[in-house]
C-alpha atoms as a PDB file:
ATOM      1  CA  MET A   1       3.540 -37.509 138.632  1.00  0.00           C
ATOM      2  CA  LEU A   2      -0.157 -35.998 139.378  1.00  0.00           C
ATOM      3  CA  GLY A   3      -0.014 -37.717 143.128  1.00  0.00           C
ATOM      4  CA  LEU A   4       3.852 -36.508 143.672  1.00  0.00           C
ATOM      5  CA  ILE A   5       2.258 -32.723 142.848  1.00  0.00           C
ATOM      6  CA  GLY A   6      -1.048 -33.183 144.614  1.00  0.00           C
ATOM      7  CA  ASN A   7       1.132 -34.981 148.040  1.00  0.00           C
ATOM      8  CA  ILE A   8       3.816 -31.953 147.859  1.00  0.00           C
ATOM      9  CA  ILE A   9       1.197 -29.351 147.644  1.00  0.00           C
ATOM     10  CA  TRP A  10      -0.993 -31.194 150.596  1.00  0.00           C
ATOM     11  CA  PHE A  11       1.997 -31.320 152.707  1.00  0.00           C
ATOM     12  CA  VAL A  12       2.774 -27.867 152.173  1.00  0.00           C
ATOM     13  CA  PHE A  13      -0.649 -26.671 152.968  1.00  0.00           C
ATOM     14  CA  GLY A  14      -1.781 -28.491 155.969  1.00  0.00           C
ATOM     15  CA  GLY A  15      -0.858 -32.169 155.786  1.00  0.00           C
ATOM     16  CA  PHE A  16       2.678 -31.485 157.727  1.00  0.00           C
ATOM     17  CA  PHE A  17       0.195 -30.060 160.339  1.00  0.00           C
ATOM     18  CA  LEU A  18      -2.344 -32.702 160.270  1.00  0.00           C
ATOM     19  CA  GLY A  19       0.362 -36.023 160.161  1.00  0.00           C
ATOM     20  CA  ILE A  20       2.005 -34.269 162.944  1.00  0.00           C
ATOM     21  CA  GLY A  21      -1.183 -33.581 164.967  1.00  0.00           C
ATOM     22  CA  TRP A  22      -2.003 -37.162 164.843  1.00  0.00           C
ATOM     23  CA  TRP A  23       1.192 -38.389 165.705  1.00  0.00           C
ATOM     24  CA  VAL A  24       1.591 -36.047 169.021  1.00  0.00           C
ATOM     25  CA  PHE A  25      -2.046 -37.533 169.907  1.00  0.00           C
ATOM     26  CA  GLY A  26      -0.396 -41.035 169.273  1.00  0.00           C
ATOM     27  CA  ILE A  27       2.647 -40.181 171.416  1.00  0.00           C
ATOM     28  CA  LEU A  28       0.064 -38.508 174.046  1.00  0.00           C
ATOM     29  CA  MET A  29      -1.478 -42.541 174.237  1.00  0.00           C
ATOM     30  CA  TYR A  30       1.317 -44.281 174.744  1.00  0.00           C
ATOM     31  CA  VAL A  31       1.983 -42.587 177.915  1.00  0.00           C
ATOM     32  CA  PHE A  32      -1.218 -44.249 179.312  1.00  0.00           C
ATOM     33  CA  ILE A  33      -0.711 -48.371 178.822  1.00  0.00           C
ATOM     34  CA  ILE A  34      -4.351 -48.975 178.202  1.00  0.00           C
ATOM     35  CA  THR A  35      -4.371 -46.480 175.001  1.00  0.00           C
ATOM     36  CA  ILE A  36      -1.660 -48.198 173.162  1.00  0.00           C
ATOM     37  CA  PRO A  37      -3.809 -49.701 170.330  1.00  0.00           C
ATOM     38  CA  TRP A  38      -5.071 -46.108 169.824  1.00  0.00           C
ATOM     39  CA  ALA A  39      -1.584 -44.895 169.680  1.00  0.00           C
ATOM     40  CA  LYS A  40      -0.684 -47.053 166.756  1.00  0.00           C
ATOM     41  CA  ALA A  41      -3.574 -46.328 165.198  1.00  0.00           C
ATOM     42  CA  CYS A  42      -2.841 -42.888 165.342  1.00  0.00           C
ATOM     43  CA  PHE A  43       0.735 -43.280 163.802  1.00  0.00           C
ATOM     44  CA  VAL A  44      -1.026 -44.766 160.882  1.00  0.00           C
ATOM     45  CA  ILE A  45      -3.230 -42.316 160.133  1.00  0.00           C
ATOM     46  CA  GLY A  46      -0.865 -39.666 160.488  1.00  0.00           C
ATOM     47  CA  GLN A  47       1.274 -41.334 157.804  1.00  0.00           C
ATOM     48  CA  PHE A  48      -1.582 -41.461 155.516  1.00  0.00           C
ATOM     49  CA  CYS A  49      -2.342 -37.570 156.448  1.00  0.00           C
ATOM     50  CA  PHE A  50       1.521 -36.828 155.578  1.00  0.00           C
ATOM     51  CA  LEU A  51       1.104 -37.928 152.006  1.00  0.00           C
ATOM     52  CA  PRO A  52      -2.412 -39.198 151.209  1.00  0.00           C
ATOM     53  CA  PHE A  53      -2.262 -39.446 147.193  1.00  0.00           C
ATOM     54  CA  GLY A  54      -1.855 -42.502 145.905  1.00  0.00           C
ATOM     55  CA  LYS A  55      -2.425 -44.303 149.128  1.00  0.00           C
ATOM     56  CA  GLU A  56      -5.208 -46.125 150.427  1.00  0.00           C
ATOM     57  CA  VAL A  57      -6.109 -47.461 154.025  1.00  0.00           C
ATOM     58  CA  ILE A  58      -6.744 -51.088 153.820  1.00  0.00           C
ATOM     59  CA  SER A  59      -7.712 -53.759 156.686  1.00  0.00           C
ATOM     60  CA  ARG A  60      -4.635 -55.892 157.813  1.00  0.00           C
ATOM     61  CA  LYS A  61      -6.453 -59.066 157.248  1.00  0.00           C
ATOM     62  CA  LYS A  62      -7.303 -58.133 153.855  1.00  0.00           C
ATOM     63  CA  LEU A  63      -3.640 -57.327 152.677  1.00  0.00           C
ATOM     64  CA  THR A  64      -2.146 -60.832 154.839  1.00  0.00           C
ATOM     65  CA  GLN A  65      -4.996 -63.057 154.720  1.00  0.00           C
ATOM     66  CA  LYS A  66      -4.339 -63.693 158.407  1.00  0.00           C
ATOM     67  CA  GLY A  67      -6.223 -62.257 161.346  1.00  0.00           C
ATOM     68  CA  ASP A  68      -5.250 -60.850 164.367  1.00  0.00           C
ATOM     69  CA  ILE A  69      -5.960 -58.899 167.537  1.00  0.00           C
ATOM     70  CA  GLY A  70      -6.612 -55.883 165.891  1.00  0.00           C
ATOM     71  CA  THR A  71      -8.652 -57.358 162.990  1.00  0.00           C
ATOM     72  CA  GLY A  72     -10.967 -59.242 165.309  1.00  0.00           C
ATOM     73  CA  ALA A  73     -13.443 -59.058 168.415  1.00  0.00           C
ATOM     74  CA  LEU A  74     -11.014 -56.672 170.054  1.00  0.00           C
ATOM     75  CA  GLY A  75     -10.031 -54.728 167.020  1.00  0.00           C
ATOM     76  CA  LEU A  76     -14.150 -54.356 166.769  1.00  0.00           C
ATOM     77  CA  ILE A  77     -14.395 -53.174 170.285  1.00  0.00           C
ATOM     78  CA  GLY A  78     -11.615 -51.067 170.140  1.00  0.00           C
ATOM     79  CA  ASN A  79     -12.792 -49.528 167.083  1.00  0.00           C
ATOM     80  CA  ILE A  80     -16.430 -48.494 168.829  1.00  0.00           C
ATOM     81  CA  VAL A  81     -14.575 -47.101 171.850  1.00  0.00           C
ATOM     82  CA  TRP A  82     -12.405 -44.938 169.063  1.00  0.00           C
ATOM     83  CA  VAL A  83     -15.359 -43.924 167.594  1.00  0.00           C
ATOM     84  CA  ILE A  84     -17.486 -42.769 170.783  1.00  0.00           C
ATOM     85  CA  PHE A  85     -14.645 -41.027 171.904  1.00  0.00           C
ATOM     86  CA  ALA A  86     -12.413 -39.365 168.918  1.00  0.00           C
ATOM     87  CA  GLY A  87     -13.732 -40.913 165.796  1.00  0.00           C
ATOM     88  CA  ILE A  88     -16.658 -39.498 165.104  1.00  0.00           C
ATOM     89  CA  TRP A  89     -15.527 -35.608 165.505  1.00  0.00           C
ATOM     90  CA  LEU A  90     -12.657 -36.134 163.570  1.00  0.00           C
ATOM     91  CA  CYS A  91     -14.687 -37.378 160.847  1.00  0.00           C
ATOM     92  CA  ILE A  92     -16.737 -34.305 161.342  1.00  0.00           C
ATOM     93  CA  ALA A  93     -14.001 -32.044 161.337  1.00  0.00           C
ATOM     94  CA  HIS A  94     -12.144 -33.669 158.136  1.00  0.00           C
ATOM     95  CA  GLY A  95     -15.521 -34.074 156.398  1.00  0.00           C
ATOM     96  CA  ILE A  96     -16.166 -30.122 156.764  1.00  0.00           C
ATOM     97  CA  PHE A  97     -12.494 -29.658 155.633  1.00  0.00           C
ATOM     98  CA  GLY A  98     -13.381 -31.791 152.512  1.00  0.00           C
ATOM     99  CA  ILE A  99     -16.662 -30.335 151.513  1.00  0.00           C
ATOM    100  CA  LEU A 100     -14.845 -26.734 152.196  1.00  0.00           C
ATOM    101  CA  CYS A 101     -12.423 -27.927 149.661  1.00  0.00           C
ATOM    102  CA  PHE A 102     -15.119 -29.045 147.109  1.00  0.00           C
ATOM    103  CA  CYS A 103     -15.996 -25.146 146.687  1.00  0.00           C
ATOM    104  CA  THR A 104     -13.384 -24.569 144.555  1.00  0.00           C
ATOM    105  CA  ILE A 105     -11.948 -26.501 141.402  1.00  0.00           C
ATOM    106  CA  ILE A 106      -8.564 -26.797 142.349  1.00  0.00           C
ATOM    107  CA  GLY A 107      -9.771 -27.968 145.761  1.00  0.00           C
ATOM    108  CA  ILE A 108     -11.628 -31.093 144.519  1.00  0.00           C
ATOM    109  CA  PRO A 109      -8.734 -33.643 144.915  1.00  0.00           C
ATOM    110  CA  PHE A 110      -7.959 -32.476 148.414  1.00  0.00           C
ATOM    111  CA  GLY A 111     -11.541 -32.785 149.388  1.00  0.00           C
ATOM    112  CA  ILE A 112     -11.429 -36.400 148.076  1.00  0.00           C
ATOM    113  CA  GLN A 113      -8.374 -36.529 150.347  1.00  0.00           C
ATOM    114  CA  HIS A 114     -10.233 -35.662 153.447  1.00  0.00           C
ATOM    115  CA  PHE A 115     -12.946 -38.143 152.869  1.00  0.00           C
ATOM    116  CA  LYS A 116     -10.452 -40.715 152.656  1.00  0.00           C
ATOM    117  CA  ILE A 117      -9.209 -39.434 156.144  1.00  0.00           C
ATOM    118  CA  ALA A 118     -12.621 -39.297 157.351  1.00  0.00           C
ATOM    119  CA  GLY A 119     -13.243 -42.878 156.515  1.00  0.00           C
ATOM    120  CA  ALA A 120      -9.687 -43.665 158.554  1.00  0.00           C
ATOM    121  CA  CYS A 121     -11.000 -42.050 161.313  1.00  0.00           C
ATOM    122  CA  PHE A 122     -14.132 -44.512 162.082  1.00  0.00           C
ATOM    123  CA  ALA A 123     -12.214 -47.795 162.605  1.00  0.00           C
ATOM    124  CA  PRO A 124      -8.445 -46.931 162.466  1.00  0.00           C
ATOM    125  CA  ILE A 125      -7.301 -50.100 164.700  1.00  0.00           C
ATOM    126  CA  GLY A 126      -6.201 -53.169 162.322  1.00  0.00           C
ATOM    127  CA  MET A 127      -5.798 -51.174 159.167  1.00  0.00           C
ATOM    128  CA  MET A 128      -2.395 -50.618 157.272  1.00  0.00           C
ATOM    129  CA  VAL A 129      -1.432 -47.835 154.989  1.00  0.00           C
ATOM    130  CA  VAL A 130      -0.609 -49.116 151.482  1.00  0.00           C
ATOM    131  CA  ASP A 131       0.052 -47.747 147.955  1.00  0.00           C
ATOM    132  CA  LYS A 132      -3.109 -47.945 145.418  1.00  0.00           C
ATOM    133  CA  LYS A 133      -1.461 -50.906 143.512  1.00  0.00           C
ATOM    134  CA  THR A 134      -1.099 -53.276 146.766  1.00  0.00           C
ATOM    135  CA  ALA A 135      -4.808 -52.324 147.631  1.00  0.00           C
ATOM    136  CA  LYS A 136      -5.983 -53.482 144.379  1.00  0.00           C
ATOM    137  CA  GLU A 137      -4.044 -56.825 144.581  1.00  0.00           C
ATOM    138  CA  ALA A 138      -5.136 -57.303 148.147  1.00  0.00           C
ATOM    139  CA  LYS A 139      -8.947 -56.900 146.989  1.00  0.00           C
ATOM    140  CA  LYS A 140      -8.675 -59.016 144.142  1.00  0.00           C
END
């Protein structure tokens, strides 16, 4: 119930715009063929930005117990390129907003969500958004 309330408040006060922003960049990246892996990652993080409470970002390899192109060496190279050109700046922005949210007691849960999104900004390729129960089962 608290997750639902948190998601509603998050969505109304910025989550909608965060998610749309990530999706707009994802659409732009689909225009250029070479940036399609990052486009898919933008949609994954955008989905996470819409309703982050009760969700977690987890590696597809941990979830499916199988490797794929995004969880192997090419995914690592893609994530390195992503961090250099976009990930570091997005991570810094979410980190700043997270710190600002921690300035009030009411904002602490939202700050935590910003830090979760900041972590996803570093390595979005090869990741999936799942509910916490599924993530716990996959980590066992």
